[in-house]
């Protein structure tokens, strides 16, 4: 009975997310549109500056960062704060379902839509531009899920602390867009000045992009222990803060 109720809750949350035009756009369409735009301009010819890979070859794993950042830092905080503001969280707490059921359904839903957004981007790169992939699929999925969890933890923290959905939206955008610009999600890190790269080394999105690009090109998880540790620490700290400050009303 509990499993069936959880599944229905998960499906309901997924449908509500997909019916939100802005959230659906940034999850499923924004990154593929960026890829199509810049892929049409620059093509996917091998470049010495990119280690012999094409622009699309390095952009697809980098643009996965756009998806995890927008879902984690924008959709999650807005959704959490909006539900609290509308008294929906308080009603969930009053149901027979334990609070953990709602929270795990939320996490599973956000992880699911993030993964689907990544698949849509990869299909666009492969079908439209013949994107190269030399990595281990399981390693890439593991790195992607770790990064998604890290940003989900940050987003839950913002949503827990923000008093309103408008505040959550503002904070999420203030954090996400500079991070995308400096972390290699919009343009390759190789073309950024050295001073900017030193700053970006402290950003979680930079470590996610470096991890994805490395795994995409055939690197192993063991060769990216620093990136994995940074993302794991980010997720752990974000999750701990979210658990500490989460409010149902």
C-alpha atoms as a PDB file:
ATOM      1  CA  UNK A   1       0.000   0.000   0.000  1.00  0.00           C
ATOM      2  CA  UNK A   2       2.781   2.429   0.943  1.00  0.00           C
ATOM      3  CA  UNK A   3       4.716   1.669  -2.241  1.00  0.00           C
ATOM      4  CA  UNK A   4       1.619   2.255  -4.363  1.00  0.00           C
ATOM      5  CA  UNK A   5       0.931   5.575  -2.644  1.00  0.00           C
ATOM      6  CA  UNK A   6       4.558   6.619  -3.154  1.00  0.00           C
ATOM      7  CA  UNK A   7       4.385   5.726  -6.856  1.00  0.00           C
ATOM      8  CA  UNK A   8       1.207   7.754  -7.302  1.00  0.00           C
ATOM      9  CA  UNK A   9       2.799  10.684  -5.512  1.00  0.00           C
ATOM     10  CA  UNK A  10       5.876  10.418  -7.740  1.00  0.00           C
ATOM     11  CA  UNK A  11       3.756  10.362 -10.913  1.00  0.00           C
ATOM     12  CA  UNK A  12       1.668  13.291  -9.731  1.00  0.00           C
ATOM     13  CA  UNK A  13       4.761  15.376  -8.956  1.00  0.00           C
ATOM     14  CA  UNK A  14       6.244  14.509 -12.347  1.00  0.00           C
ATOM     15  CA  UNK A  15       3.081  15.558 -14.178  1.00  0.00           C
ATOM     16  CA  UNK A  16       2.941  18.834 -12.261  1.00  0.00           C
ATOM     17  CA  UNK A  17       6.568  19.541 -13.154  1.00  0.00           C
ATOM     18  CA  UNK A  18       6.041  18.815 -16.843  1.00  0.00           C
ATOM     19  CA  UNK A  19       2.994  21.082 -16.932  1.00  0.00           C
ATOM     20  CA  UNK A  20       5.100  24.050 -15.794  1.00  0.00           C
ATOM     21  CA  UNK A  21       6.268  25.641 -19.089  1.00  0.00           C
ATOM     22  CA  UNK A  22       9.344  27.433 -17.728  1.00  0.00           C
ATOM     23  CA  UNK A  23      10.642  24.423 -15.817  1.00  0.00           C
ATOM     24  CA  UNK A  24      10.048  22.090 -18.768  1.00  0.00           C
ATOM     25  CA  UNK A  25      11.769  24.509 -21.174  1.00  0.00           C
ATOM     26  CA  UNK A  26      14.965  24.846 -19.138  1.00  0.00           C
ATOM     27  CA  UNK A  27      15.074  21.107 -18.442  1.00  0.00           C
ATOM     28  CA  UNK A  28      14.412  19.717 -21.915  1.00  0.00           C
ATOM     29  CA  UNK A  29      14.812  22.487 -24.509  1.00  0.00           C
ATOM     30  CA  UNK A  30      17.315  25.120 -23.357  1.00  0.00           C
ATOM     31  CA  UNK A  31      20.498  23.030 -23.608  1.00  0.00           C
ATOM     32  CA  UNK A  32      19.553  21.372 -26.946  1.00  0.00           C
ATOM     33  CA  UNK A  33      18.721  24.807 -28.388  1.00  0.00           C
ATOM     34  CA  UNK A  34      22.121  26.129 -27.287  1.00  0.00           C
ATOM     35  CA  UNK A  35      23.770  23.094 -28.840  1.00  0.00           C
ATOM     36  CA  UNK A  36      21.918  23.483 -32.141  1.00  0.00           C
ATOM     37  CA  UNK A  37      22.733  27.208 -32.292  1.00  0.00           C
ATOM     38  CA  UNK A  38      26.464  26.950 -31.631  1.00  0.00           C
ATOM     39  CA  UNK A  39      26.812  23.611 -33.394  1.00  0.00           C
ATOM     40  CA  UNK A  40      25.353  25.190 -36.539  1.00  0.00           C
ATOM     41  CA  UNK A  41      27.818  28.085 -36.255  1.00  0.00           C
ATOM     42  CA  UNK A  42      31.032  26.233 -35.388  1.00  0.00           C
ATOM     43  CA  UNK A  43      30.325  22.713 -36.590  1.00  0.00           C
ATOM     44  CA  UNK A  44      32.003  19.719 -35.002  1.00  0.00           C
ATOM     45  CA  UNK A  45      35.400  19.716 -36.695  1.00  0.00           C
ATOM     46  CA  UNK A  46      38.370  18.510 -34.592  1.00  0.00           C
ATOM     47  CA  UNK A  47      40.253  21.385 -32.972  1.00  0.00           C
ATOM     48  CA  UNK A  48      43.781  21.279 -31.496  1.00  0.00           C
ATOM     49  CA  UNK A  49      42.666  23.716 -28.792  1.00  0.00           C
ATOM     50  CA  UNK A  50      40.040  21.145 -27.693  1.00  0.00           C
ATOM     51  CA  UNK A  51      42.395  18.185 -27.704  1.00  0.00           C
ATOM     52  CA  UNK A  52      41.419  17.036 -31.180  1.00  0.00           C
ATOM     53  CA  UNK A  53      37.718  16.996 -30.403  1.00  0.00           C
ATOM     54  CA  UNK A  54      35.003  19.088 -32.003  1.00  0.00           C
ATOM     55  CA  UNK A  55      32.946  21.876 -30.457  1.00  0.00           C
ATOM     56  CA  UNK A  56      29.887  19.641 -30.127  1.00  0.00           C
ATOM     57  CA  UNK A  57      31.977  16.811 -28.660  1.00  0.00           C
ATOM     58  CA  UNK A  58      32.976  19.020 -25.718  1.00  0.00           C
ATOM     59  CA  UNK A  59      29.758  21.048 -25.574  1.00  0.00           C
ATOM     60  CA  UNK A  60      27.389  18.144 -24.917  1.00  0.00           C
ATOM     61  CA  UNK A  61      29.035  17.032 -21.632  1.00  0.00           C
ATOM     62  CA  UNK A  62      29.461  20.695 -20.655  1.00  0.00           C
ATOM     63  CA  UNK A  63      25.829  21.523 -21.423  1.00  0.00           C
ATOM     64  CA  UNK A  64      24.772  18.732 -19.092  1.00  0.00           C
ATOM     65  CA  UNK A  65      25.879  21.267 -16.487  1.00  0.00           C
ATOM     66  CA  UNK A  66      23.212  23.668 -17.745  1.00  0.00           C
ATOM     67  CA  UNK A  67      20.570  21.059 -16.994  1.00  0.00           C
ATOM     68  CA  UNK A  68      21.730  20.108 -13.501  1.00  0.00           C
ATOM     69  CA  UNK A  69      22.245  23.771 -12.588  1.00  0.00           C
ATOM     70  CA  UNK A  70      18.857  25.005 -13.802  1.00  0.00           C
ATOM     71  CA  UNK A  71      16.966  22.113 -12.232  1.00  0.00           C
ATOM     72  CA  UNK A  72      18.940  22.172  -8.989  1.00  0.00           C
ATOM     73  CA  UNK A  73      19.326  25.902  -8.428  1.00  0.00           C
ATOM     74  CA  UNK A  74      16.137  27.246 -10.033  1.00  0.00           C
ATOM     75  CA  UNK A  75      13.395  24.617 -10.336  1.00  0.00           C
ATOM     76  CA  UNK A  76      13.985  22.933  -6.976  1.00  0.00           C
ATOM     77  CA  UNK A  77      14.087  26.133  -4.842  1.00  0.00           C
ATOM     78  CA  UNK A  78      11.094  27.682  -6.596  1.00  0.00           C
ATOM     79  CA  UNK A  79       9.045  24.493  -6.337  1.00  0.00           C
ATOM     80  CA  UNK A  80       9.877  23.977  -2.668  1.00  0.00           C
ATOM     81  CA  UNK A  81       9.222  27.576  -1.642  1.00  0.00           C
ATOM     82  CA  UNK A  82       6.051  27.838  -3.746  1.00  0.00           C
ATOM     83  CA  UNK A  83       4.571  24.698  -2.195  1.00  0.00           C
ATOM     84  CA  UNK A  84       5.306  25.992   1.296  1.00  0.00           C
ATOM     85  CA  UNK A  85       3.876  29.416   0.431  1.00  0.00           C
ATOM     86  CA  UNK A  86       0.686  27.828  -0.921  1.00  0.00           C
ATOM     87  CA  UNK A  87       0.322  25.650   2.238  1.00  0.00           C
ATOM     88  CA  UNK A  88       0.733  22.487   0.144  1.00  0.00           C
ATOM     89  CA  UNK A  89       3.586  21.172   2.269  1.00  0.00           C
ATOM     90  CA  UNK A  90       1.504  21.558   5.409  1.00  0.00           C
ATOM     91  CA  UNK A  91      -1.270  19.493   3.824  1.00  0.00           C
ATOM     92  CA  UNK A  92       1.183  16.786   2.809  1.00  0.00           C
ATOM     93  CA  UNK A  93       2.431  16.610   6.378  1.00  0.00           C
ATOM     94  CA  UNK A  94      -1.138  16.042   7.590  1.00  0.00           C
ATOM     95  CA  UNK A  95      -1.663  13.000   5.332  1.00  0.00           C
ATOM     96  CA  UNK A  96      -1.072   9.405   6.515  1.00  0.00           C
ATOM     97  CA  UNK A  97       2.076   9.245   4.378  1.00  0.00           C
ATOM     98  CA  UNK A  98       5.281   9.826   6.361  1.00  0.00           C
ATOM     99  CA  UNK A  99       7.195  13.016   5.525  1.00  0.00           C
ATOM    100  CA  UNK A 100      10.025  10.892   4.112  1.00  0.00           C
ATOM    101  CA  UNK A 101       7.684   9.592   1.406  1.00  0.00           C
ATOM    102  CA  UNK A 102       7.057  13.088   0.089  1.00  0.00           C
ATOM    103  CA  UNK A 103      10.719  14.085   0.251  1.00  0.00           C
ATOM    104  CA  UNK A 104      11.987  10.938  -1.470  1.00  0.00           C
ATOM    105  CA  UNK A 105       9.323  11.269  -4.178  1.00  0.00           C
ATOM    106  CA  UNK A 106      10.479  14.850  -4.773  1.00  0.00           C
ATOM    107  CA  UNK A 107      14.117  13.796  -4.998  1.00  0.00           C
ATOM    108  CA  UNK A 108      13.303  10.915  -7.352  1.00  0.00           C
ATOM    109  CA  UNK A 109      11.180  13.181  -9.549  1.00  0.00           C
ATOM    110  CA  UNK A 110      13.870  15.844  -9.883  1.00  0.00           C
ATOM    111  CA  UNK A 111      16.531  13.230 -10.558  1.00  0.00           C
ATOM    112  CA  UNK A 112      14.295  11.622 -13.178  1.00  0.00           C
ATOM    113  CA  UNK A 113      13.556  14.810 -15.121  1.00  0.00           C
ATOM    114  CA  UNK A 114      17.226  15.821 -14.936  1.00  0.00           C
ATOM    115  CA  UNK A 115      18.234  12.477 -16.425  1.00  0.00           C
ATOM    116  CA  UNK A 116      15.606  12.785 -19.183  1.00  0.00           C
ATOM    117  CA  UNK A 117      16.854  16.279 -19.992  1.00  0.00           C
ATOM    118  CA  UNK A 118      20.385  14.894 -20.319  1.00  0.00           C
ATOM    119  CA  UNK A 119      19.185  12.137 -22.652  1.00  0.00           C
ATOM    120  CA  UNK A 120      17.413  14.707 -24.865  1.00  0.00           C
ATOM    121  CA  UNK A 121      20.626  16.725 -25.128  1.00  0.00           C
ATOM    122  CA  UNK A 122      22.753  13.666 -25.966  1.00  0.00           C
ATOM    123  CA  UNK A 123      20.319  12.561 -28.660  1.00  0.00           C
ATOM    124  CA  UNK A 124      20.426  16.020 -30.238  1.00  0.00           C
ATOM    125  CA  UNK A 125      24.230  15.975 -30.296  1.00  0.00           C
ATOM    126  CA  UNK A 126      24.438  12.481 -31.722  1.00  0.00           C
ATOM    127  CA  UNK A 127      21.688  12.703 -34.322  1.00  0.00           C
ATOM    128  CA  UNK A 128      22.339  16.229 -35.571  1.00  0.00           C
ATOM    129  CA  UNK A 129      26.115  16.557 -35.325  1.00  0.00           C
ATOM    130  CA  UNK A 130      27.558  13.043 -35.054  1.00  0.00           C
ATOM    131  CA  UNK A 131      28.882  13.687 -31.551  1.00  0.00           C
ATOM    132  CA  UNK A 132      31.766  11.449 -30.458  1.00  0.00           C
ATOM    133  CA  UNK A 133      31.585   9.468 -27.238  1.00  0.00           C
ATOM    134  CA  UNK A 134      34.603   7.486 -26.060  1.00  0.00           C
ATOM    135  CA  UNK A 135      33.728   6.978 -22.409  1.00  0.00           C
ATOM    136  CA  UNK A 136      32.209   4.304 -20.218  1.00  0.00           C
ATOM    137  CA  UNK A 137      28.415   4.831 -20.103  1.00  0.00           C
ATOM    138  CA  UNK A 138      28.135   3.571 -16.511  1.00  0.00           C
ATOM    139  CA  UNK A 139      30.877   5.933 -15.326  1.00  0.00           C
ATOM    140  CA  UNK A 140      29.203   8.870 -17.084  1.00  0.00           C
ATOM    141  CA  UNK A 141      25.808   8.053 -15.549  1.00  0.00           C
ATOM    142  CA  UNK A 142      27.386   7.702 -12.093  1.00  0.00           C
ATOM    143  CA  UNK A 143      29.158  11.061 -12.413  1.00  0.00           C
ATOM    144  CA  UNK A 144      26.028  12.706 -13.764  1.00  0.00           C
ATOM    145  CA  UNK A 145      23.845  11.434 -10.921  1.00  0.00           C
ATOM    146  CA  UNK A 146      26.387  12.528  -8.317  1.00  0.00           C
ATOM    147  CA  UNK A 147      26.446  16.019  -9.813  1.00  0.00           C
ATOM    148  CA  UNK A 148      22.657  16.148  -9.981  1.00  0.00           C
ATOM    149  CA  UNK A 149      22.423  15.155  -6.314  1.00  0.00           C
ATOM    150  CA  UNK A 150      24.964  17.828  -5.367  1.00  0.00           C
ATOM    151  CA  UNK A 151      22.926  20.573  -7.029  1.00  0.00           C
ATOM    152  CA  UNK A 152      19.699  19.108  -5.702  1.00  0.00           C
ATOM    153  CA  UNK A 153      21.105  19.483  -2.185  1.00  0.00           C
ATOM    154  CA  UNK A 154      21.993  23.119  -2.867  1.00  0.00           C
ATOM    155  CA  UNK A 155      18.549  23.762  -4.316  1.00  0.00           C
ATOM    156  CA  UNK A 156      16.774  22.217  -1.350  1.00  0.00           C
ATOM    157  CA  UNK A 157      18.829  24.437   0.943  1.00  0.00           C
ATOM    158  CA  UNK A 158      17.778  27.557  -0.964  1.00  0.00           C
ATOM    159  CA  UNK A 159      14.153  26.416  -0.999  1.00  0.00           C
ATOM    160  CA  UNK A 160      14.274  25.703   2.728  1.00  0.00           C
ATOM    161  CA  UNK A 161      15.649  29.143   3.602  1.00  0.00           C
ATOM    162  CA  UNK A 162      13.780  31.318   1.080  1.00  0.00           C
ATOM    163  CA  UNK A 163      10.605  32.813   2.552  1.00  0.00           C
ATOM    164  CA  UNK A 164       8.827  33.075  -0.829  1.00  0.00           C
ATOM    165  CA  UNK A 165       9.026  31.603  -4.327  1.00  0.00           C
ATOM    166  CA  UNK A 166      10.110  34.986  -5.717  1.00  0.00           C
ATOM    167  CA  UNK A 167      13.036  35.082  -3.315  1.00  0.00           C
ATOM    168  CA  UNK A 168      13.976  31.502  -4.209  1.00  0.00           C
ATOM    169  CA  UNK A 169      13.891  32.400  -7.910  1.00  0.00           C
ATOM    170  CA  UNK A 170      16.081  35.450  -7.424  1.00  0.00           C
ATOM    171  CA  UNK A 171      18.659  33.606  -5.316  1.00  0.00           C
ATOM    172  CA  UNK A 172      18.715  30.663  -7.715  1.00  0.00           C
ATOM    173  CA  UNK A 173      19.327  32.860 -10.733  1.00  0.00           C
ATOM    174  CA  UNK A 174      21.976  34.922  -8.954  1.00  0.00           C
ATOM    175  CA  UNK A 175      23.857  31.719  -8.169  1.00  0.00           C
ATOM    176  CA  UNK A 176      23.259  29.733 -11.343  1.00  0.00           C
ATOM    177  CA  UNK A 177      23.909  32.148 -14.210  1.00  0.00           C
ATOM    178  CA  UNK A 178      27.342  33.388 -13.091  1.00  0.00           C
ATOM    179  CA  UNK A 179      28.244  29.791 -12.304  1.00  0.00           C
ATOM    180  CA  UNK A 180      27.269  28.731 -15.821  1.00  0.00           C
ATOM    181  CA  UNK A 181      29.307  31.546 -17.357  1.00  0.00           C
ATOM    182  CA  UNK A 182      32.437  30.891 -15.276  1.00  0.00           C
ATOM    183  CA  UNK A 183      32.204  27.120 -14.893  1.00  0.00           C
ATOM    184  CA  UNK A 184      32.584  26.086 -18.514  1.00  0.00           C
ATOM    185  CA  UNK A 185      28.924  25.286 -19.128  1.00  0.00           C
ATOM    186  CA  UNK A 186      28.414  28.103 -21.660  1.00  0.00           C
ATOM    187  CA  UNK A 187      31.840  28.147 -23.280  1.00  0.00           C
ATOM    188  CA  UNK A 188      34.860  25.841 -23.053  1.00  0.00           C
ATOM    189  CA  UNK A 189      37.123  26.459 -20.087  1.00  0.00           C
ATOM    190  CA  UNK A 190      40.093  26.526 -22.480  1.00  0.00           C
ATOM    191  CA  UNK A 191      39.105  29.919 -23.883  1.00  0.00           C
ATOM    192  CA  UNK A 192      38.607  31.562 -20.481  1.00  0.00           C
ATOM    193  CA  UNK A 193      41.441  33.700 -19.049  1.00  0.00           C
ATOM    194  CA  UNK A 194      43.664  32.063 -16.452  1.00  0.00           C
ATOM    195  CA  UNK A 195      42.423  34.447 -13.761  1.00  0.00           C
ATOM    196  CA  UNK A 196      38.830  33.357 -14.415  1.00  0.00           C
ATOM    197  CA  UNK A 197      39.796  29.682 -14.340  1.00  0.00           C
ATOM    198  CA  UNK A 198      41.365  30.151 -10.914  1.00  0.00           C
ATOM    199  CA  UNK A 199      38.091  31.569  -9.624  1.00  0.00           C
ATOM    200  CA  UNK A 200      36.008  28.899 -11.342  1.00  0.00           C
ATOM    201  CA  UNK A 201      37.989  26.160  -9.573  1.00  0.00           C
ATOM    202  CA  UNK A 202      35.927  26.949  -6.460  1.00  0.00           C
ATOM    203  CA  UNK A 203      32.581  26.454  -8.232  1.00  0.00           C
ATOM    204  CA  UNK A 204      30.742  23.106  -8.085  1.00  0.00           C
ATOM    205  CA  UNK A 205      29.630  23.450 -11.696  1.00  0.00           C
ATOM    206  CA  UNK A 206      33.248  23.663 -12.869  1.00  0.00           C
ATOM    207  CA  UNK A 207      34.017  20.324 -11.235  1.00  0.00           C
ATOM    208  CA  UNK A 208      30.888  18.814 -12.770  1.00  0.00           C
ATOM    209  CA  UNK A 209      31.817  20.032 -16.265  1.00  0.00           C
ATOM    210  CA  UNK A 210      35.434  18.872 -15.928  1.00  0.00           C
ATOM    211  CA  UNK A 211      34.208  15.486 -14.676  1.00  0.00           C
ATOM    212  CA  UNK A 212      31.708  15.054 -17.508  1.00  0.00           C
ATOM    213  CA  UNK A 213      34.153  16.116 -20.202  1.00  0.00           C
ATOM    214  CA  UNK A 214      36.839  13.836 -18.838  1.00  0.00           C
ATOM    215  CA  UNK A 215      34.569  10.809 -18.576  1.00  0.00           C
ATOM    216  CA  UNK A 216      33.113  11.597 -22.009  1.00  0.00           C
ATOM    217  CA  UNK A 217      36.571  11.460 -23.581  1.00  0.00           C
ATOM    218  CA  UNK A 218      37.387   8.086 -22.030  1.00  0.00           C
ATOM    219  CA  UNK A 219      38.769   9.044 -18.630  1.00  0.00           C
ATOM    220  CA  UNK A 220      38.059   6.943 -15.562  1.00  0.00           C
ATOM    221  CA  UNK A 221      36.352   7.895 -12.323  1.00  0.00           C
ATOM    222  CA  UNK A 222      39.668   7.303 -10.579  1.00  0.00           C
ATOM    223  CA  UNK A 223      41.309  10.055 -12.606  1.00  0.00           C
ATOM    224  CA  UNK A 224      38.751  12.572 -11.320  1.00  0.00           C
ATOM    225  CA  UNK A 225      38.811  11.887  -7.598  1.00  0.00           C
ATOM    226  CA  UNK A 226      39.167  15.595  -6.810  1.00  0.00           C
ATOM    227  CA  UNK A 227      36.074  16.495  -8.832  1.00  0.00           C
ATOM    228  CA  UNK A 228      34.117  13.608  -7.323  1.00  0.00           C
ATOM    229  CA  UNK A 229      35.140  14.617  -3.803  1.00  0.00           C
ATOM    230  CA  UNK A 230      34.187  18.256  -4.412  1.00  0.00           C
ATOM    231  CA  UNK A 231      30.735  17.286  -5.721  1.00  0.00           C
ATOM    232  CA  UNK A 232      30.194  14.754  -2.933  1.00  0.00           C
ATOM    233  CA  UNK A 233      31.110  17.368  -0.317  1.00  0.00           C
ATOM    234  CA  UNK A 234      28.795  19.881  -1.976  1.00  0.00           C
ATOM    235  CA  UNK A 235      25.919  17.426  -1.915  1.00  0.00           C
ATOM    236  CA  UNK A 236      26.596  16.393   1.678  1.00  0.00           C
ATOM    237  CA  UNK A 237      26.778  19.978   2.922  1.00  0.00           C
ATOM    238  CA  UNK A 238      23.710  20.982   0.917  1.00  0.00           C
ATOM    239  CA  UNK A 239      21.745  17.986   2.139  1.00  0.00           C
ATOM    240  CA  UNK A 240      22.715  18.604   5.754  1.00  0.00           C
ATOM    241  CA  UNK A 241      21.718  22.269   5.552  1.00  0.00           C
ATOM    242  CA  UNK A 242      18.453  21.390   3.813  1.00  0.00           C
ATOM    243  CA  UNK A 243      17.606  18.834   6.524  1.00  0.00           C
ATOM    244  CA  UNK A 244      18.481  21.377   9.217  1.00  0.00           C
ATOM    245  CA  UNK A 245      16.422  24.268   7.841  1.00  0.00           C
ATOM    246  CA  UNK A 246      13.603  22.527   5.939  1.00  0.00           C
ATOM    247  CA  UNK A 247      10.213  23.877   6.980  1.00  0.00           C
ATOM    248  CA  UNK A 248       6.785  22.465   6.180  1.00  0.00           C
ATOM    249  CA  UNK A 249       5.096  25.810   6.787  1.00  0.00           C
END
